[in-house]
């Protein structure tokens, strides 16, 4: 499973800062790894340098082999919670999608 990061001009997307998120995503979504070819992570600060609550957006897009991509979005006050919330949403979506597949 390949993980690709995309950040806006406010959030630094350097390798050192993204590595903990990459590990978290890989660990949390490992049970789906046989279906996922790539995860795209889009991190952005929706109101730039202004202070605000829940202004960090994380969008995860899972590319599934043989299926249309699945995407979820989560907003939080910091990057860690935005990514963690998006992972939880993605697990729920993938559980639903793949359980329907197994039942057919």
PDB file of N, CA and C in Angstrom:
ATOM      1  N   UNK A   1       0.858  -1.173   0.000  1.00  0.00           N
ATOM      2  CA  UNK A   1       0.000   0.000   0.000  1.00  0.00           C
ATOM      3  C   UNK A   1       0.901   1.232   0.000  1.00  0.00           C
ATOM      4  N   UNK A   2       0.776   2.018  -1.024  1.00  0.00           N
ATOM      5  CA  UNK A   2       1.544   3.251  -1.143  1.00  0.00           C
ATOM      6  C   UNK A   2       0.762   4.390  -0.487  1.00  0.00           C
ATOM      7  N   UNK A   3       1.452   5.260   0.234  1.00  0.00           N
ATOM      8  CA  UNK A   3       0.805   6.408   0.872  1.00  0.00           C
ATOM      9  C   UNK A   3       1.445   7.676   0.332  1.00  0.00           C
ATOM     10  N   UNK A   4       0.617   8.538  -0.237  1.00  0.00           N
ATOM     11  CA  UNK A   4       1.086   9.780  -0.863  1.00  0.00           C
ATOM     12  C   UNK A   4       0.484  10.965  -0.120  1.00  0.00           C
ATOM     13  N   UNK A   5       1.332  11.939   0.256  1.00  0.00           N
ATOM     14  CA  UNK A   5       0.881  13.119   0.982  1.00  0.00           C
ATOM     15  C   UNK A   5       0.832  14.335   0.074  1.00  0.00           C
ATOM     16  N   UNK A   6      -0.220  15.125   0.256  1.00  0.00           N
ATOM     17  CA  UNK A   6      -0.372  16.412  -0.409  1.00  0.00           C
ATOM     18  C   UNK A   6      -0.749  17.424   0.663  1.00  0.00           C
ATOM     19  N   UNK A   7      -0.020  18.522   0.732  1.00  0.00           N
ATOM     20  CA  UNK A   7      -0.318  19.552   1.724  1.00  0.00           C
ATOM     21  C   UNK A   7      -0.497  20.887   1.037  1.00  0.00           C
ATOM     22  N   UNK A   8      -1.157  21.799   1.733  1.00  0.00           N
ATOM     23  CA  UNK A   8      -1.309  23.139   1.178  1.00  0.00           C
ATOM     24  C   UNK A   8      -0.056  23.956   1.496  1.00  0.00           C
ATOM     25  N   UNK A   9      -0.105  25.244   1.187  1.00  0.00           N
ATOM     26  CA  UNK A   9       1.076  26.087   1.399  1.00  0.00           C
ATOM     27  C   UNK A   9       1.258  26.520   2.853  1.00  0.00           C
ATOM     28  N   UNK A  10       0.334  26.184   3.738  1.00  0.00           N
ATOM     29  CA  UNK A  10       0.448  26.529   5.153  1.00  0.00           C
ATOM     30  C   UNK A  10       1.063  25.375   5.943  1.00  0.00           C
ATOM     31  N   UNK A  11       0.686  24.152   5.615  1.00  0.00           N
ATOM     32  CA  UNK A  11       1.179  22.971   6.319  1.00  0.00           C
ATOM     33  C   UNK A  11       2.411  22.441   5.603  1.00  0.00           C
ATOM     34  N   UNK A  12       3.479  22.259   6.352  1.00  0.00           N
ATOM     35  CA  UNK A  12       4.716  21.726   5.795  1.00  0.00           C
ATOM     36  C   UNK A  12       4.560  20.236   5.553  1.00  0.00           C
ATOM     37  N   UNK A  13       4.875  19.807   4.358  1.00  0.00           N
ATOM     38  CA  UNK A  13       4.725  18.403   4.004  1.00  0.00           C
ATOM     39  C   UNK A  13       6.043  17.667   3.911  1.00  0.00           C
ATOM     40  N   UNK A  14       7.039  18.076   4.690  1.00  0.00           N
ATOM     41  CA  UNK A  14       8.332  17.402   4.584  1.00  0.00           C
ATOM     42  C   UNK A  14       8.259  15.980   5.139  1.00  0.00           C
ATOM     43  N   UNK A  15       9.207  15.186   4.736  1.00  0.00           N
ATOM     44  CA  UNK A  15       9.216  13.747   5.058  1.00  0.00           C
ATOM     45  C   UNK A  15       9.195  13.477   6.562  1.00  0.00           C
ATOM     46  N   UNK A  16       9.988  14.226   7.328  1.00  0.00           N
ATOM     47  CA  UNK A  16      10.079  14.004   8.771  1.00  0.00           C
ATOM     48  C   UNK A  16       8.745  14.261   9.471  1.00  0.00           C
ATOM     49  N   UNK A  17       8.027  15.282   9.035  1.00  0.00           N
ATOM     50  CA  UNK A  17       6.742  15.610   9.665  1.00  0.00           C
ATOM     51  C   UNK A  17       5.640  14.645   9.278  1.00  0.00           C
ATOM     52  N   UNK A  18       5.728  14.071   8.081  1.00  0.00           N
ATOM     53  CA  UNK A  18       4.666  13.181   7.602  1.00  0.00           C
ATOM     54  C   UNK A  18       4.901  11.725   7.990  1.00  0.00           C
ATOM     55  N   UNK A  19       6.113  11.367   8.355  1.00  0.00           N
ATOM     56  CA  UNK A  19       6.423   9.971   8.664  1.00  0.00           C
ATOM     57  C   UNK A  19       5.562   9.386   9.794  1.00  0.00           C
ATOM     58  N   UNK A  20       5.329  10.099  10.910  1.00  0.00           N
ATOM     59  CA  UNK A  20       4.441   9.525  11.936  1.00  0.00           C
ATOM     60  C   UNK A  20       3.018   9.281  11.423  1.00  0.00           C
ATOM     61  N   UNK A  21       2.533  10.168  10.561  1.00  0.00           N
ATOM     62  CA  UNK A  21       1.201   9.981   9.984  1.00  0.00           C
ATOM     63  C   UNK A  21       1.190   8.776   9.044  1.00  0.00           C
ATOM     64  N   UNK A  22       2.258   8.607   8.291  1.00  0.00           N
ATOM     65  CA  UNK A  22       2.359   7.475   7.375  1.00  0.00           C
ATOM     66  C   UNK A  22       2.311   6.161   8.155  1.00  0.00           C
ATOM     67  N   UNK A  23       3.038   6.095   9.259  1.00  0.00           N
ATOM     68  CA  UNK A  23       3.045   4.893  10.090  1.00  0.00           C
ATOM     69  C   UNK A  23       1.660   4.647  10.690  1.00  0.00           C
ATOM     70  N   UNK A  24       1.021   5.705  11.194  1.00  0.00           N
ATOM     71  CA  UNK A  24      -0.309   5.581  11.776  1.00  0.00           C
ATOM     72  C   UNK A  24      -1.310   5.059  10.750  1.00  0.00           C
ATOM     73  N   UNK A  25      -1.282   5.617   9.556  1.00  0.00           N
ATOM     74  CA  UNK A  25      -2.206   5.195   8.495  1.00  0.00           C
ATOM     75  C   UNK A  25      -1.946   3.747   8.109  1.00  0.00           C
ATOM     76  N   UNK A  26      -0.676   3.405   7.902  1.00  0.00           N
ATOM     77  CA  UNK A  26      -0.326   2.031   7.516  1.00  0.00           C
ATOM     78  C   UNK A  26      -0.749   1.029   8.587  1.00  0.00           C
ATOM     79  N   UNK A  27      -0.512   1.363   9.852  1.00  0.00           N
ATOM     80  CA  UNK A  27      -0.889   0.464  10.943  1.00  0.00           C
ATOM     81  C   UNK A  27      -2.406   0.305  11.046  1.00  0.00           C
ATOM     82  N   UNK A  28      -3.110   1.421  11.018  1.00  0.00           N
ATOM     83  CA  UNK A  28      -4.556   1.383  11.227  1.00  0.00           C
ATOM     84  C   UNK A  28      -5.318   0.761  10.056  1.00  0.00           C
ATOM     85  N   UNK A  29      -4.788   0.880   8.845  1.00  0.00           N
ATOM     86  CA  UNK A  29      -5.486   0.347   7.668  1.00  0.00           C
ATOM     87  C   UNK A  29      -4.851  -0.942   7.153  1.00  0.00           C
ATOM     88  N   UNK A  30      -3.964  -1.547   7.936  1.00  0.00           N
ATOM     89  CA  UNK A  30      -3.232  -2.732   7.473  1.00  0.00           C
ATOM     90  C   UNK A  30      -4.157  -3.903   7.131  1.00  0.00           C
ATOM     91  N   UNK A  31      -5.274  -4.029   7.830  1.00  0.00           N
ATOM     92  CA  UNK A  31      -6.162  -5.160   7.545  1.00  0.00           C
ATOM     93  C   UNK A  31      -6.851  -5.041   6.186  1.00  0.00           C
ATOM     94  N   UNK A  32      -6.787  -3.857   5.584  1.00  0.00           N
ATOM     95  CA  UNK A  32      -7.369  -3.653   4.257  1.00  0.00           C
ATOM     96  C   UNK A  32      -6.296  -3.632   3.167  1.00  0.00           C
ATOM     97  N   UNK A  33      -5.043  -3.900   3.529  1.00  0.00           N
ATOM     98  CA  UNK A  33      -3.923  -3.709   2.604  1.00  0.00           C
ATOM     99  C   UNK A  33      -4.021  -4.565   1.340  1.00  0.00           C
ATOM    100  N   UNK A  34      -4.704  -5.701   1.406  1.00  0.00           N
ATOM    101  CA  UNK A  34      -4.826  -6.519   0.202  1.00  0.00           C
ATOM    102  C   UNK A  34      -5.764  -5.888  -0.829  1.00  0.00           C
ATOM    103  N   UNK A  35      -6.600  -4.953  -0.404  1.00  0.00           N
ATOM    104  CA  UNK A  35      -7.530  -4.287  -1.320  1.00  0.00           C
ATOM    105  C   UNK A  35      -7.042  -2.907  -1.756  1.00  0.00           C
ATOM    106  N   UNK A  36      -6.244  -2.246  -0.914  1.00  0.00           N
ATOM    107  CA  UNK A  36      -5.821  -0.869  -1.174  1.00  0.00           C
ATOM    108  C   UNK A  36      -4.514  -0.849  -1.945  1.00  0.00           C
ATOM    109  N   UNK A  37      -4.516  -0.146  -3.070  1.00  0.00           N
ATOM    110  CA  UNK A  37      -3.269   0.022  -3.811  1.00  0.00           C
ATOM    111  C   UNK A  37      -2.553   1.302  -3.406  1.00  0.00           C
ATOM    112  N   UNK A  38      -3.326   2.331  -3.094  1.00  0.00           N
ATOM    113  CA  UNK A  38      -2.721   3.611  -2.718  1.00  0.00           C
ATOM    114  C   UNK A  38      -3.672   4.404  -1.836  1.00  0.00           C
ATOM    115  N   UNK A  39      -3.089   5.124  -0.884  1.00  0.00           N
ATOM    116  CA  UNK A  39      -3.829   6.082  -0.061  1.00  0.00           C
ATOM    117  C   UNK A  39      -3.274   7.468  -0.375  1.00  0.00           C
ATOM    118  N   UNK A  40      -4.154   8.390  -0.697  1.00  0.00           N
ATOM    119  CA  UNK A  40      -3.743   9.783  -0.870  1.00  0.00           C
ATOM    120  C   UNK A  40      -4.244  10.571   0.333  1.00  0.00           C
ATOM    121  N   UNK A  41      -3.340  11.317   0.942  1.00  0.00           N
ATOM    122  CA  UNK A  41      -3.647  12.124   2.120  1.00  0.00           C
ATOM    123  C   UNK A  41      -3.542  13.583   1.706  1.00  0.00           C
ATOM    124  N   UNK A  42      -4.608  14.328   1.910  1.00  0.00           N
ATOM    125  CA  UNK A  42      -4.619  15.757   1.612  1.00  0.00           C
ATOM    126  C   UNK A  42      -4.821  16.506   2.925  1.00  0.00           C
ATOM    127  N   UNK A  43      -3.786  17.221   3.366  1.00  0.00           N
ATOM    128  CA  UNK A  43      -3.856  18.002   4.606  1.00  0.00           C
ATOM    129  C   UNK A  43      -3.866  19.472   4.267  1.00  0.00           C
ATOM    130  N   UNK A  44      -4.762  20.200   4.898  1.00  0.00           N
ATOM    131  CA  UNK A  44      -4.828  21.637   4.647  1.00  0.00           C
ATOM    132  C   UNK A  44      -5.380  22.396   5.837  1.00  0.00           C
ATOM    133  N   UNK A  45      -4.977  23.650   5.922  1.00  0.00           N
ATOM    134  CA  UNK A  45      -5.482  24.565   6.943  1.00  0.00           C
ATOM    135  C   UNK A  45      -6.486  25.461   6.238  1.00  0.00           C
ATOM    136  N   UNK A  46      -7.757  25.297   6.567  1.00  0.00           N
ATOM    137  CA  UNK A  46      -8.813  25.956   5.801  1.00  0.00           C
ATOM    138  C   UNK A  46      -8.916  27.458   5.987  1.00  0.00           C
ATOM    139  N   UNK A  47      -8.399  27.977   7.093  1.00  0.00           N
ATOM    140  CA  UNK A  47      -8.454  29.439   7.232  1.00  0.00           C
ATOM    141  C   UNK A  47      -7.062  30.025   7.416  1.00  0.00           C
ATOM    142  N   UNK A  48      -6.105  29.387   6.788  1.00  0.00           N
ATOM    143  CA  UNK A  48      -4.724  29.861   6.681  1.00  0.00           C
ATOM    144  C   UNK A  48      -4.111  30.156   8.038  1.00  0.00           C
ATOM    145  N   UNK A  49      -3.571  31.339   8.213  1.00  0.00           N
ATOM    146  CA  UNK A  49      -2.848  31.673   9.435  1.00  0.00           C
ATOM    147  C   UNK A  49      -3.753  32.216  10.540  1.00  0.00           C
ATOM    148  N   UNK A  50      -5.038  32.310  10.306  1.00  0.00           N
ATOM    149  CA  UNK A  50      -5.955  32.784  11.337  1.00  0.00           C
ATOM    150  C   UNK A  50      -6.207  31.681  12.353  1.00  0.00           C
ATOM    151  N   UNK A  51      -6.477  32.075  13.573  1.00  0.00           N
ATOM    152  CA  UNK A  51      -6.828  31.110  14.608  1.00  0.00           C
ATOM    153  C   UNK A  51      -8.268  30.661  14.402  1.00  0.00           C
ATOM    154  N   UNK A  52      -8.528  29.438  14.749  1.00  0.00           N
ATOM    155  CA  UNK A  52      -9.882  28.926  14.635  1.00  0.00           C
ATOM    156  C   UNK A  52      -9.940  27.503  15.149  1.00  0.00           C
ATOM    157  N   UNK A  53     -11.134  27.042  15.391  1.00  0.00           N
ATOM    158  CA  UNK A  53     -11.286  25.664  15.846  1.00  0.00           C
ATOM    159  C   UNK A  53     -11.670  24.789  14.665  1.00  0.00           C
ATOM    160  N   UNK A  54     -11.182  23.580  14.685  1.00  0.00           N
ATOM    161  CA  UNK A  54     -11.481  22.604  13.644  1.00  0.00           C
ATOM    162  C   UNK A  54     -11.211  23.131  12.238  1.00  0.00           C
ATOM    163  N   UNK A  55     -10.081  23.826  12.073  1.00  0.00           N
ATOM    164  CA  UNK A  55      -9.758  24.392  10.771  1.00  0.00           C
ATOM    165  C   UNK A  55      -8.755  23.558   9.976  1.00  0.00           C
ATOM    166  N   UNK A  56      -8.267  22.448  10.564  1.00  0.00           N
ATOM    167  CA  UNK A  56      -7.375  21.560   9.838  1.00  0.00           C
ATOM    168  C   UNK A  56      -8.220  20.472   9.183  1.00  0.00           C
ATOM    169  N   UNK A  57      -8.067  20.327   7.880  1.00  0.00           N
ATOM    170  CA  UNK A  57      -8.850  19.353   7.122  1.00  0.00           C
ATOM    171  C   UNK A  57      -7.929  18.234   6.643  1.00  0.00           C
ATOM    172  N   UNK A  58      -8.367  17.002   6.850  1.00  0.00           N
ATOM    173  CA  UNK A  58      -7.661  15.843   6.317  1.00  0.00           C
ATOM    174  C   UNK A  58      -8.640  15.077   5.444  1.00  0.00           C
ATOM    175  N   UNK A  59      -8.268  14.903   4.194  1.00  0.00           N
ATOM    176  CA  UNK A  59      -9.064  14.109   3.283  1.00  0.00           C
ATOM    177  C   UNK A  59      -8.226  12.885   2.917  1.00  0.00           C
ATOM    178  N   UNK A  60      -8.765  11.703   3.145  1.00  0.00           N
ATOM    179  CA  UNK A  60      -8.116  10.458   2.759  1.00  0.00           C
ATOM    180  C   UNK A  60      -8.864   9.876   1.570  1.00  0.00           C
ATOM    181  N   UNK A  61      -8.112   9.482   0.572  1.00  0.00           N
ATOM    182  CA  UNK A  61      -8.695   8.832  -0.592  1.00  0.00           C
ATOM    183  C   UNK A  61      -8.010   7.478  -0.752  1.00  0.00           C
ATOM    184  N   UNK A  62      -8.783   6.415  -0.677  1.00  0.00           N
ATOM    185  CA  UNK A  62      -8.253   5.060  -0.835  1.00  0.00           C
ATOM    186  C   UNK A  62      -8.545   4.585  -2.249  1.00  0.00           C
ATOM    187  N   UNK A  63      -7.494   4.174  -2.933  1.00  0.00           N
ATOM    188  CA  UNK A  63      -7.630   3.581  -4.263  1.00  0.00           C
ATOM    189  C   UNK A  63      -7.703   2.068  -4.071  1.00  0.00           C
ATOM    190  N   UNK A  64      -8.853   1.513  -4.400  1.00  0.00           N
ATOM    191  CA  UNK A  64      -9.083   0.085  -4.211  1.00  0.00           C
ATOM    192  C   UNK A  64      -8.945  -0.639  -5.537  1.00  0.00           C
ATOM    193  N   UNK A  65      -8.250  -1.753  -5.509  1.00  0.00           N
ATOM    194  CA  UNK A  65      -8.032  -2.527  -6.722  1.00  0.00           C
ATOM    195  C   UNK A  65      -9.363  -3.031  -7.280  1.00  0.00           C
ATOM    196  N   UNK A  66      -9.681  -2.602  -8.502  1.00  0.00           N
ATOM    197  CA  UNK A  66     -10.893  -3.045  -9.170  1.00  0.00           C
ATOM    198  C   UNK A  66     -12.156  -2.264  -8.819  1.00  0.00           C
ATOM    199  N   UNK A  67     -12.033  -1.209  -8.009  1.00  0.00           N
ATOM    200  CA  UNK A  67     -13.195  -0.419  -7.589  1.00  0.00           C
ATOM    201  C   UNK A  67     -12.919   1.070  -7.738  1.00  0.00           C
ATOM    202  N   UNK A  68     -13.974   1.845  -7.641  1.00  0.00           N
ATOM    203  CA  UNK A  68     -13.834   3.297  -7.625  1.00  0.00           C
ATOM    204  C   UNK A  68     -13.159   3.736  -6.326  1.00  0.00           C
ATOM    205  N   UNK A  69     -12.428   4.836  -6.344  1.00  0.00           N
ATOM    206  CA  UNK A  69     -11.806   5.329  -5.107  1.00  0.00           C
ATOM    207  C   UNK A  69     -12.864   5.700  -4.064  1.00  0.00           C
ATOM    208  N   UNK A  70     -12.464   5.603  -2.804  1.00  0.00           N
ATOM    209  CA  UNK A  70     -13.318   5.957  -1.681  1.00  0.00           C
ATOM    210  C   UNK A  70     -12.636   7.105  -0.949  1.00  0.00           C
ATOM    211  N   UNK A  71     -13.393   8.159  -0.609  1.00  0.00           N
ATOM    212  CA  UNK A  71     -12.800   9.310   0.067  1.00  0.00           C
ATOM    213  C   UNK A  71     -13.609   9.696   1.297  1.00  0.00           C
ATOM    214  N   UNK A  72     -12.887  10.148   2.319  1.00  0.00           N
ATOM    215  CA  UNK A  72     -13.504  10.671   3.540  1.00  0.00           C
ATOM    216  C   UNK A  72     -12.762  11.954   3.933  1.00  0.00           C
ATOM    217  N   UNK A  73     -13.467  12.797   4.675  1.00  0.00           N
ATOM    218  CA  UNK A  73     -12.880  14.056   5.138  1.00  0.00           C
ATOM    219  C   UNK A  73     -13.164  14.219   6.621  1.00  0.00           C
ATOM    220  N   UNK A  74     -12.183  14.764   7.334  1.00  0.00           N
ATOM    221  CA  UNK A  74     -12.361  15.046   8.754  1.00  0.00           C
ATOM    222  C   UNK A  74     -11.731  16.390   9.071  1.00  0.00           C
ATOM    223  N   UNK A  75     -12.388  17.146   9.941  1.00  0.00           N
ATOM    224  CA  UNK A  75     -11.883  18.431  10.411  1.00  0.00           C
ATOM    225  C   UNK A  75     -11.555  18.323  11.893  1.00  0.00           C
ATOM    226  N   UNK A  76     -10.458  18.965  12.297  1.00  0.00           N
ATOM    227  CA  UNK A  76     -10.060  18.960  13.710  1.00  0.00           C
ATOM    228  C   UNK A  76      -9.201  20.183  13.991  1.00  0.00           C
ATOM    229  N   UNK A  77      -8.861  20.333  15.259  1.00  0.00           N
ATOM    230  CA  UNK A  77      -8.062  21.481  15.689  1.00  0.00           C
ATOM    231  C   UNK A  77      -6.576  21.345  15.427  1.00  0.00           C
ATOM    232  N   UNK A  78      -6.096  20.106  15.220  1.00  0.00           N
ATOM    233  CA  UNK A  78      -4.685  19.930  14.875  1.00  0.00           C
ATOM    234  C   UNK A  78      -4.542  18.772  13.887  1.00  0.00           C
ATOM    235  N   UNK A  79      -3.353  18.647  13.332  1.00  0.00           N
ATOM    236  CA  UNK A  79      -3.125  17.667  12.273  1.00  0.00           C
ATOM    237  C   UNK A  79      -3.343  16.236  12.748  1.00  0.00           C
ATOM    238  N   UNK A  80      -2.855  15.915  13.938  1.00  0.00           N
ATOM    239  CA  UNK A  80      -2.974  14.547  14.441  1.00  0.00           C
ATOM    240  C   UNK A  80      -4.438  14.114  14.546  1.00  0.00           C
ATOM    241  N   UNK A  81      -5.269  14.949  15.144  1.00  0.00           N
ATOM    242  CA  UNK A  81      -6.682  14.600  15.309  1.00  0.00           C
ATOM    243  C   UNK A  81      -7.421  14.599  13.973  1.00  0.00           C
ATOM    244  N   UNK A  82      -7.004  15.450  13.053  1.00  0.00           N
ATOM    245  CA  UNK A  82      -7.627  15.451  11.727  1.00  0.00           C
ATOM    246  C   UNK A  82      -7.332  14.139  11.002  1.00  0.00           C
ATOM    247  N   UNK A  83      -6.076  13.696  11.064  1.00  0.00           N
ATOM    248  CA  UNK A  83      -5.693  12.445  10.412  1.00  0.00           C
ATOM    249  C   UNK A  83      -6.345  11.258  11.111  1.00  0.00           C
ATOM    250  N   UNK A  84      -6.300  11.226  12.433  1.00  0.00           N
ATOM    251  CA  UNK A  84      -6.879  10.118  13.195  1.00  0.00           C
ATOM    252  C   UNK A  84      -8.380   9.990  12.928  1.00  0.00           C
ATOM    253  N   UNK A  85      -9.075  11.106  12.912  1.00  0.00           N
ATOM    254  CA  UNK A  85     -10.516  11.072  12.627  1.00  0.00           C
ATOM    255  C   UNK A  85     -10.814  10.580  11.223  1.00  0.00           C
ATOM    256  N   UNK A  86      -9.994  10.996  10.258  1.00  0.00           N
ATOM    257  CA  UNK A  86     -10.182  10.545   8.876  1.00  0.00           C
ATOM    258  C   UNK A  86      -9.911   9.045   8.758  1.00  0.00           C
ATOM    259  N   UNK A  87      -8.910   8.554   9.486  1.00  0.00           N
ATOM    260  CA  UNK A  87      -8.627   7.117   9.479  1.00  0.00           C
ATOM    261  C   UNK A  87      -9.824   6.344  10.033  1.00  0.00           C
ATOM    262  N   UNK A  88     -10.390   6.814  11.139  1.00  0.00           N
ATOM    263  CA  UNK A  88     -11.550   6.134  11.728  1.00  0.00           C
ATOM    264  C   UNK A  88     -12.722   6.104  10.745  1.00  0.00           C
ATOM    265  N   UNK A  89     -12.952   7.205  10.057  1.00  0.00           N
ATOM    266  CA  UNK A  89     -14.024   7.250   9.064  1.00  0.00           C
ATOM    267  C   UNK A  89     -13.736   6.294   7.909  1.00  0.00           C
ATOM    268  N   UNK A  90     -12.466   6.249   7.475  1.00  0.00           N
ATOM    269  CA  UNK A  90     -12.097   5.375   6.360  1.00  0.00           C
ATOM    270  C   UNK A  90     -12.284   3.907   6.746  1.00  0.00           C
ATOM    271  N   UNK A  91     -11.910   3.545   7.969  1.00  0.00           N
ATOM    272  CA  UNK A  91     -12.101   2.166   8.413  1.00  0.00           C
ATOM    273  C   UNK A  91     -13.575   1.789   8.364  1.00  0.00           C
ATOM    274  N   UNK A  92     -14.432   2.694   8.789  1.00  0.00           N
ATOM    275  CA  UNK A  92     -15.872   2.437   8.780  1.00  0.00           C
ATOM    276  C   UNK A  92     -16.393   2.253   7.353  1.00  0.00           C
ATOM    277  N   UNK A  93     -15.972   3.125   6.451  1.00  0.00           N
ATOM    278  CA  UNK A  93     -16.408   3.042   5.056  1.00  0.00           C
ATOM    279  C   UNK A  93     -15.908   1.750   4.414  1.00  0.00           C
ATOM    280  N   UNK A  94     -14.647   1.408   4.648  1.00  0.00           N
ATOM    281  CA  UNK A  94     -14.089   0.198   4.053  1.00  0.00           C
ATOM    282  C   UNK A  94     -14.727  -1.058   4.639  1.00  0.00           C
ATOM    283  N   UNK A  95     -14.998  -1.052   5.942  1.00  0.00           N
ATOM    284  CA  UNK A  95     -15.702  -2.187   6.561  1.00  0.00           C
ATOM    285  C   UNK A  95     -17.042  -2.418   5.879  1.00  0.00           C
ATOM    286  N   UNK A  96     -17.797  -1.348   5.692  1.00  0.00           N
ATOM    287  CA  UNK A  96     -19.111  -1.439   5.057  1.00  0.00           C
ATOM    288  C   UNK A  96     -18.994  -1.925   3.621  1.00  0.00           C
ATOM    289  N   UNK A  97     -18.103  -1.292   2.855  1.00  0.00           N
ATOM    290  CA  UNK A  97     -17.951  -1.631   1.441  1.00  0.00           C
ATOM    291  C   UNK A  97     -17.485  -3.071   1.250  1.00  0.00           C
ATOM    292  N   UNK A  98     -16.503  -3.481   2.014  1.00  0.00           N
ATOM    293  CA  UNK A  98     -15.943  -4.820   1.830  1.00  0.00           C
ATOM    294  C   UNK A  98     -16.820  -5.917   2.434  1.00  0.00           C
ATOM    295  N   UNK A  99     -17.598  -5.585   3.474  1.00  0.00           N
ATOM    296  CA  UNK A  99     -18.531  -6.594   3.998  1.00  0.00           C
ATOM    297  C   UNK A  99     -19.651  -6.853   3.013  1.00  0.00           C
ATOM    298  N   UNK A 100     -20.093  -5.820   2.290  1.00  0.00           N
ATOM    299  CA  UNK A 100     -21.093  -6.018   1.243  1.00  0.00           C
ATOM    300  C   UNK A 100     -20.528  -6.886   0.135  1.00  0.00           C
ATOM    301  N   UNK A 101     -19.270  -6.681  -0.179  1.00  0.00           N
ATOM    302  CA  UNK A 101     -18.604  -7.464  -1.212  1.00  0.00           C
ATOM    303  C   UNK A 101     -18.525  -8.938  -0.804  1.00  0.00           C
ATOM    304  N   UNK A 102     -18.197  -9.185   0.456  1.00  0.00           N
ATOM    305  CA  UNK A 102     -18.076 -10.565   0.948  1.00  0.00           C
ATOM    306  C   UNK A 102     -19.432 -11.276   1.000  1.00  0.00           C
ATOM    307  N   UNK A 103     -20.502 -10.522   1.224  1.00  0.00           N
ATOM    308  CA  UNK A 103     -21.840 -11.116   1.336  1.00  0.00           C
ATOM    309  C   UNK A 103     -22.451 -11.478   0.000  1.00  0.00           C
ATOM    310  N   UNK A 104     -21.867 -10.992  -1.074  1.00  0.00           N
ATOM    311  CA  UNK A 104     -22.430 -11.288  -2.406  1.00  0.00           C
ATOM    312  C   UNK A 104     -21.761 -12.453  -3.028  1.00  0.00           C
TER     313      UNK A 104
END
